[in-house]
Amino acid sequence: MKILIDTNIVLDVLLHRTDFFDASYNVLKLAALGKAGALVTANSIADIYYILHRANKDPVKSKDAIVQLLSLVGIADVLASDVMAALSSKVTDFEDALVGAIAKRVKADFIVTRNTKDFDNSPVPAIDPKDFLMHLGSGA
Protein backbone atom coordinates (compact mmCIF):
# COMPACT_ATOMS: atom_id res chain seq x y z
CA MET A 1 0.00 0.00 0.00
CA LYS A 2 1.28 3.45 -0.91
CA ILE A 3 0.33 6.56 1.05
CA LEU A 4 1.07 10.24 0.68
CA ILE A 5 1.46 11.77 4.11
CA ASP A 6 0.22 15.33 4.55
CA THR A 7 2.36 17.93 6.32
CA ASN A 8 0.18 18.01 9.45
CA ILE A 9 0.88 14.34 10.21
CA VAL A 10 4.64 14.87 10.15
CA LEU A 11 4.38 18.00 12.27
CA ASP A 12 2.20 16.19 14.81
CA VAL A 13 5.14 13.88 15.44
CA LEU A 14 8.05 16.30 15.17
CA LEU A 15 6.36 18.93 17.33
CA HIS A 16 4.88 16.33 19.72
CA ARG A 17 1.34 17.65 19.35
CA THR A 18 -0.22 15.81 22.25
CA ASP A 19 -3.74 15.34 20.89
CA PHE A 20 -2.52 13.90 17.59
CA PHE A 21 0.90 12.41 18.31
CA ASP A 22 0.01 8.73 18.82
CA ALA A 23 -1.91 8.12 15.61
CA SER A 24 0.48 10.17 13.49
CA TYR A 25 3.50 8.46 15.05
CA ASN A 26 2.00 5.05 14.31
CA VAL A 27 1.48 5.96 10.66
CA LEU A 28 5.16 6.87 10.37
CA LYS A 29 6.07 3.73 12.31
CA LEU A 30 4.27 1.60 9.71
CA ALA A 31 6.39 3.26 7.05
CA ALA A 32 9.54 2.54 9.06
CA LEU A 33 8.52 -1.11 9.36
CA GLY A 34 7.89 -1.35 5.63
CA LYS A 35 4.17 -2.01 6.06
CA ALA A 36 3.23 1.03 3.99
CA GLY A 37 5.17 2.83 1.30
CA ALA A 38 5.08 6.41 2.48
CA LEU A 39 5.84 9.61 0.62
CA VAL A 40 5.76 13.30 1.43
CA THR A 41 5.78 15.97 -1.23
CA ALA A 42 8.92 17.95 -1.93
CA ASN A 43 7.16 21.20 -1.09
CA SER A 44 6.02 19.71 2.24
CA ILE A 45 9.66 19.26 3.20
CA ALA A 46 10.22 22.99 2.84
CA ASP A 47 7.10 23.75 4.90
CA ILE A 48 8.10 21.27 7.59
CA TYR A 49 11.60 22.73 7.85
CA TYR A 50 10.23 26.28 8.05
CA ILE A 51 7.75 25.45 10.81
CA LEU A 52 10.30 23.41 12.78
CA HIS A 53 12.88 26.17 12.52
CA ARG A 54 10.35 28.74 13.73
CA ALA A 55 9.52 26.50 16.69
CA ASN A 56 13.02 25.52 17.78
CA LYS A 57 15.20 28.34 16.35
CA ASP A 58 17.90 25.76 15.63
CA PRO A 59 18.76 25.12 11.96
CA VAL A 60 20.90 22.08 12.77
CA LYS A 61 18.14 20.47 14.83
CA SER A 62 15.61 21.24 12.09
CA LYS A 63 17.81 19.72 9.38
CA ASP A 64 18.47 16.66 11.53
CA ALA A 65 14.72 16.15 11.92
CA ILE A 66 14.31 16.30 8.14
CA VAL A 67 17.13 13.76 7.66
CA GLN A 68 15.45 11.42 10.17
CA LEU A 69 12.10 11.86 8.42
CA LEU A 70 13.65 11.02 5.07
CA SER A 71 15.00 7.79 6.48
CA LEU A 72 11.34 6.74 6.87
CA VAL A 73 9.61 8.22 3.84
CA GLY A 74 10.34 9.00 0.23
CA ILE A 75 9.95 12.32 -1.52
CA ALA A 76 7.36 12.83 -4.23
CA ASP A 77 8.65 15.52 -6.57
CA VAL A 78 6.38 18.32 -7.71
CA LEU A 79 6.10 18.41 -11.49
CA ALA A 80 4.72 21.09 -13.77
CA SER A 81 1.92 18.68 -14.69
CA ASP A 82 0.96 18.47 -10.99
CA VAL A 83 0.71 22.25 -10.80
CA MET A 84 -1.46 22.35 -13.90
CA ALA A 85 -3.69 19.58 -12.55
CA ALA A 86 -4.02 21.41 -9.22
CA LEU A 87 -5.03 24.61 -10.98
CA SER A 88 -7.94 22.84 -12.63
CA SER A 89 -8.83 20.71 -9.60
CA LYS A 90 -12.18 20.78 -7.85
CA VAL A 91 -10.28 20.88 -4.51
CA THR A 92 -10.66 24.49 -3.43
CA ASP A 93 -7.35 25.00 -1.58
CA PHE A 94 -4.42 25.09 -4.02
CA GLU A 95 -1.91 23.38 -1.71
CA ASP A 96 -4.36 20.55 -1.04
CA ALA A 97 -5.17 20.32 -4.75
CA LEU A 98 -1.43 19.99 -5.42
CA VAL A 99 -1.14 17.18 -2.87
CA GLY A 100 -4.09 15.44 -4.53
CA ALA A 101 -2.54 15.79 -7.99
CA ILE A 102 0.79 14.41 -6.78
CA ALA A 103 -0.94 11.55 -4.95
CA LYS A 104 -2.77 10.62 -8.16
CA ARG A 105 0.41 10.71 -10.25
CA VAL A 106 2.38 8.52 -7.83
CA LYS A 107 -0.60 6.15 -7.58
CA ALA A 108 -1.05 6.55 -3.83
CA ASP A 109 -3.90 4.61 -2.29
CA PHE A 110 -4.61 7.31 0.30
CA ILE A 111 -3.63 10.76 1.44
CA VAL A 112 -3.17 10.50 5.21
CA THR A 113 -4.20 13.78 6.80
CA ARG A 114 -6.13 15.13 9.73
CA ASN A 115 -7.86 17.56 7.40
CA THR A 116 -9.87 15.09 5.34
CA LYS A 117 -12.60 17.63 4.63
CA ASP A 118 -10.04 19.78 2.82
CA PHE A 119 -9.63 16.96 0.30
CA ASP A 120 -13.25 16.70 -0.79
CA ASN A 121 -13.18 16.12 -4.56
CA SER A 122 -9.57 14.89 -4.41
CA PRO A 123 -8.65 12.29 -7.05
CA VAL A 124 -7.17 10.18 -4.21
CA PRO A 125 -9.20 9.56 -1.06
CA ALA A 126 -8.06 11.29 2.11
CA ILE A 127 -8.11 9.38 5.37
CA ASP A 128 -7.54 10.36 8.98
CA PRO A 129 -4.53 8.64 10.60
CA LYS A 130 -6.71 6.78 13.12
CA ASP A 131 -8.98 5.53 10.35
CA PHE A 132 -5.98 4.56 8.26
CA LEU A 133 -4.53 2.52 11.11
CA MET A 134 -7.87 0.75 11.56
CA HIS A 135 -8.12 0.16 7.80
CA LEU A 136 -4.64 -1.32 7.65
CA GLY A 137 -5.27 -3.39 10.75
CA SER A 138 -8.34 -4.90 9.15
CA GLY A 139 -6.20 -6.24 6.32
CA ALA A 140 -8.25 -4.29 3.80
C-alpha atoms as a PDB file:
ATOM      1  CA  MET A   1       0.000   0.000   0.000  1.00  0.00           C
ATOM      2  CA  LYS A   2       1.278   3.453  -0.908  1.00  0.00           C
ATOM      3  CA  ILE A   3       0.332   6.564   1.055  1.00  0.00           C
ATOM      4  CA  LEU A   4       1.070  10.238   0.683  1.00  0.00           C
ATOM      5  CA  ILE A   5       1.462  11.773   4.112  1.00  0.00           C
ATOM      6  CA  ASP A   6       0.221  15.330   4.552  1.00  0.00           C
ATOM      7  CA  THR A   7       2.356  17.935   6.320  1.00  0.00           C
ATOM      8  CA  ASN A   8       0.180  18.009   9.449  1.00  0.00           C
ATOM      9  CA  ILE A   9       0.882  14.337  10.214  1.00  0.00           C
ATOM     10  CA  VAL A  10       4.642  14.868  10.146  1.00  0.00           C
ATOM     11  CA  LEU A  11       4.380  18.001  12.267  1.00  0.00           C
ATOM     12  CA  ASP A  12       2.199  16.188  14.807  1.00  0.00           C
ATOM     13  CA  VAL A  13       5.142  13.877  15.435  1.00  0.00           C
ATOM     14  CA  LEU A  14       8.051  16.300  15.169  1.00  0.00           C
ATOM     15  CA  LEU A  15       6.360  18.928  17.327  1.00  0.00           C
ATOM     16  CA  HIS A  16       4.877  16.333  19.722  1.00  0.00           C
ATOM     17  CA  ARG A  17       1.340  17.648  19.347  1.00  0.00           C
ATOM     18  CA  THR A  18      -0.218  15.806  22.253  1.00  0.00           C
ATOM     19  CA  ASP A  19      -3.740  15.345  20.889  1.00  0.00           C
ATOM     20  CA  PHE A  20      -2.523  13.901  17.589  1.00  0.00           C
ATOM     21  CA  PHE A  21       0.901  12.410  18.306  1.00  0.00           C
ATOM     22  CA  ASP A  22       0.012   8.733  18.825  1.00  0.00           C
ATOM     23  CA  ALA A  23      -1.906   8.116  15.606  1.00  0.00           C
ATOM     24  CA  SER A  24       0.485  10.172  13.488  1.00  0.00           C
ATOM     25  CA  TYR A  25       3.497   8.457  15.045  1.00  0.00           C
ATOM     26  CA  ASN A  26       1.999   5.046  14.315  1.00  0.00           C
ATOM     27  CA  VAL A  27       1.476   5.961  10.661  1.00  0.00           C
ATOM     28  CA  LEU A  28       5.162   6.866  10.366  1.00  0.00           C
ATOM     29  CA  LYS A  29       6.075   3.729  12.307  1.00  0.00           C
ATOM     30  CA  LEU A  30       4.266   1.598   9.706  1.00  0.00           C
ATOM     31  CA  ALA A  31       6.388   3.257   7.054  1.00  0.00           C
ATOM     32  CA  ALA A  32       9.539   2.537   9.064  1.00  0.00           C
ATOM     33  CA  LEU A  33       8.520  -1.106   9.360  1.00  0.00           C
ATOM     34  CA  GLY A  34       7.889  -1.352   5.627  1.00  0.00           C
ATOM     35  CA  LYS A  35       4.170  -2.009   6.063  1.00  0.00           C
ATOM     36  CA  ALA A  36       3.230   1.032   3.989  1.00  0.00           C
ATOM     37  CA  GLY A  37       5.173   2.828   1.304  1.00  0.00           C
ATOM     38  CA  ALA A  38       5.083   6.408   2.478  1.00  0.00           C
ATOM     39  CA  LEU A  39       5.841   9.607   0.623  1.00  0.00           C
ATOM     40  CA  VAL A  40       5.764  13.297   1.427  1.00  0.00           C
ATOM     41  CA  THR A  41       5.778  15.974  -1.225  1.00  0.00           C
ATOM     42  CA  ALA A  42       8.923  17.950  -1.926  1.00  0.00           C
ATOM     43  CA  ASN A  43       7.157  21.198  -1.090  1.00  0.00           C
ATOM     44  CA  SER A  44       6.016  19.707   2.242  1.00  0.00           C
ATOM     45  CA  ILE A  45       9.661  19.258   3.203  1.00  0.00           C
ATOM     46  CA  ALA A  46      10.218  22.992   2.839  1.00  0.00           C
ATOM     47  CA  ASP A  47       7.095  23.750   4.895  1.00  0.00           C
ATOM     48  CA  ILE A  48       8.097  21.269   7.593  1.00  0.00           C
ATOM     49  CA  TYR A  49      11.596  22.729   7.850  1.00  0.00           C
ATOM     50  CA  TYR A  50      10.228  26.282   8.048  1.00  0.00           C
ATOM     51  CA  ILE A  51       7.749  25.452  10.810  1.00  0.00           C
ATOM     52  CA  LEU A  52      10.305  23.410  12.781  1.00  0.00           C
ATOM     53  CA  HIS A  53      12.882  26.173  12.520  1.00  0.00           C
ATOM     54  CA  ARG A  54      10.352  28.743  13.730  1.00  0.00           C
ATOM     55  CA  ALA A  55       9.517  26.496  16.686  1.00  0.00           C
ATOM     56  CA  ASN A  56      13.021  25.521  17.776  1.00  0.00           C
ATOM     57  CA  LYS A  57      15.204  28.336  16.355  1.00  0.00           C
ATOM     58  CA  ASP A  58      17.897  25.758  15.626  1.00  0.00           C
ATOM     59  CA  PRO A  59      18.757  25.124  11.960  1.00  0.00           C
ATOM     60  CA  VAL A  60      20.900  22.078  12.766  1.00  0.00           C
ATOM     61  CA  LYS A  61      18.138  20.465  14.833  1.00  0.00           C
ATOM     62  CA  SER A  62      15.610  21.240  12.086  1.00  0.00           C
ATOM     63  CA  LYS A  63      17.811  19.725   9.377  1.00  0.00           C
ATOM     64  CA  ASP A  64      18.472  16.662  11.535  1.00  0.00           C
ATOM     65  CA  ALA A  65      14.717  16.152  11.925  1.00  0.00           C
ATOM     66  CA  ILE A  66      14.314  16.296   8.141  1.00  0.00           C
ATOM     67  CA  VAL A  67      17.131  13.760   7.664  1.00  0.00           C
ATOM     68  CA  GLN A  68      15.449  11.416  10.169  1.00  0.00           C
ATOM     69  CA  LEU A  69      12.104  11.864   8.425  1.00  0.00           C
ATOM     70  CA  LEU A  70      13.649  11.022   5.068  1.00  0.00           C
ATOM     71  CA  SER A  71      14.998   7.790   6.476  1.00  0.00           C
ATOM     72  CA  LEU A  72      11.336   6.738   6.873  1.00  0.00           C
ATOM     73  CA  VAL A  73       9.612   8.216   3.840  1.00  0.00           C
ATOM     74  CA  GLY A  74      10.336   9.001   0.232  1.00  0.00           C
ATOM     75  CA  ILE A  75       9.951  12.315  -1.519  1.00  0.00           C
ATOM     76  CA  ALA A  76       7.360  12.834  -4.235  1.00  0.00           C
ATOM     77  CA  ASP A  77       8.647  15.524  -6.575  1.00  0.00           C
ATOM     78  CA  VAL A  78       6.379  18.316  -7.706  1.00  0.00           C
ATOM     79  CA  LEU A  79       6.100  18.414 -11.490  1.00  0.00           C
ATOM     80  CA  ALA A  80       4.716  21.085 -13.768  1.00  0.00           C
ATOM     81  CA  SER A  81       1.916  18.683 -14.688  1.00  0.00           C
ATOM     82  CA  ASP A  82       0.961  18.466 -10.994  1.00  0.00           C
ATOM     83  CA  VAL A  83       0.712  22.251 -10.795  1.00  0.00           C
ATOM     84  CA  MET A  84      -1.459  22.355 -13.904  1.00  0.00           C
ATOM     85  CA  ALA A  85      -3.689  19.577 -12.546  1.00  0.00           C
ATOM     86  CA  ALA A  86      -4.021  21.406  -9.223  1.00  0.00           C
ATOM     87  CA  LEU A  87      -5.026  24.610 -10.978  1.00  0.00           C
ATOM     88  CA  SER A  88      -7.941  22.843 -12.631  1.00  0.00           C
ATOM     89  CA  SER A  89      -8.828  20.709  -9.602  1.00  0.00           C
ATOM     90  CA  LYS A  90     -12.181  20.777  -7.846  1.00  0.00           C
ATOM     91  CA  VAL A  91     -10.281  20.877  -4.514  1.00  0.00           C
ATOM     92  CA  THR A  92     -10.657  24.493  -3.434  1.00  0.00           C
ATOM     93  CA  ASP A  93      -7.351  25.001  -1.581  1.00  0.00           C
ATOM     94  CA  PHE A  94      -4.423  25.090  -4.024  1.00  0.00           C
ATOM     95  CA  GLU A  95      -1.915  23.377  -1.706  1.00  0.00           C
ATOM     96  CA  ASP A  96      -4.360  20.552  -1.038  1.00  0.00           C
ATOM     97  CA  ALA A  97      -5.168  20.319  -4.752  1.00  0.00           C
ATOM     98  CA  LEU A  98      -1.435  19.992  -5.423  1.00  0.00           C
ATOM     99  CA  VAL A  99      -1.141  17.181  -2.865  1.00  0.00           C
ATOM    100  CA  GLY A 100      -4.090  15.443  -4.534  1.00  0.00           C
ATOM    101  CA  ALA A 101      -2.544  15.791  -7.993  1.00  0.00           C
ATOM    102  CA  ILE A 102       0.791  14.409  -6.779  1.00  0.00           C
ATOM    103  CA  ALA A 103      -0.935  11.550  -4.952  1.00  0.00           C
ATOM    104  CA  LYS A 104      -2.765  10.615  -8.155  1.00  0.00           C
ATOM    105  CA  ARG A 105       0.408  10.706 -10.246  1.00  0.00           C
ATOM    106  CA  VAL A 106       2.381   8.517  -7.827  1.00  0.00           C
ATOM    107  CA  LYS A 107      -0.596   6.146  -7.580  1.00  0.00           C
ATOM    108  CA  ALA A 108      -1.051   6.554  -3.832  1.00  0.00           C
ATOM    109  CA  ASP A 109      -3.904   4.608  -2.294  1.00  0.00           C
ATOM    110  CA  PHE A 110      -4.607   7.307   0.296  1.00  0.00           C
ATOM    111  CA  ILE A 111      -3.634  10.759   1.438  1.00  0.00           C
ATOM    112  CA  VAL A 112      -3.172  10.498   5.210  1.00  0.00           C
ATOM    113  CA  THR A 113      -4.204  13.782   6.801  1.00  0.00           C
ATOM    114  CA  ARG A 114      -6.131  15.131   9.735  1.00  0.00           C
ATOM    115  CA  ASN A 115      -7.860  17.558   7.399  1.00  0.00           C
ATOM    116  CA  THR A 116      -9.867  15.087   5.337  1.00  0.00           C
ATOM    117  CA  LYS A 117     -12.605  17.632   4.628  1.00  0.00           C
ATOM    118  CA  ASP A 118     -10.040  19.780   2.816  1.00  0.00           C
ATOM    119  CA  PHE A 119      -9.632  16.956   0.295  1.00  0.00           C
ATOM    120  CA  ASP A 120     -13.250  16.698  -0.794  1.00  0.00           C
ATOM    121  CA  ASN A 121     -13.176  16.116  -4.560  1.00  0.00           C
ATOM    122  CA  SER A 122      -9.575  14.892  -4.410  1.00  0.00           C
ATOM    123  CA  PRO A 123      -8.654  12.285  -7.047  1.00  0.00           C
ATOM    124  CA  VAL A 124      -7.168  10.181  -4.214  1.00  0.00           C
ATOM    125  CA  PRO A 125      -9.199   9.564  -1.056  1.00  0.00           C
ATOM    126  CA  ALA A 126      -8.057  11.293   2.113  1.00  0.00           C
ATOM    127  CA  ILE A 127      -8.112   9.375   5.371  1.00  0.00           C
ATOM    128  CA  ASP A 128      -7.537  10.363   8.980  1.00  0.00           C
ATOM    129  CA  PRO A 129      -4.525   8.639  10.600  1.00  0.00           C
ATOM    130  CA  LYS A 130      -6.709   6.780  13.123  1.00  0.00           C
ATOM    131  CA  ASP A 131      -8.985   5.527  10.354  1.00  0.00           C
ATOM    132  CA  PHE A 132      -5.977   4.559   8.257  1.00  0.00           C
ATOM    133  CA  LEU A 133      -4.531   2.518  11.112  1.00  0.00           C
ATOM    134  CA  MET A 134      -7.874   0.750  11.561  1.00  0.00           C
ATOM    135  CA  HIS A 135      -8.116   0.156   7.797  1.00  0.00           C
ATOM    136  CA  LEU A 136      -4.642  -1.317   7.649  1.00  0.00           C
ATOM    137  CA  GLY A 137      -5.271  -3.388  10.753  1.00  0.00           C
ATOM    138  CA  SER A 138      -8.339  -4.895   9.146  1.00  0.00           C
ATOM    139  CA  GLY A 139      -6.197  -6.238   6.325  1.00  0.00           C
ATOM    140  CA  ALA A 140      -8.249  -4.294   3.798  1.00  0.00           C
END
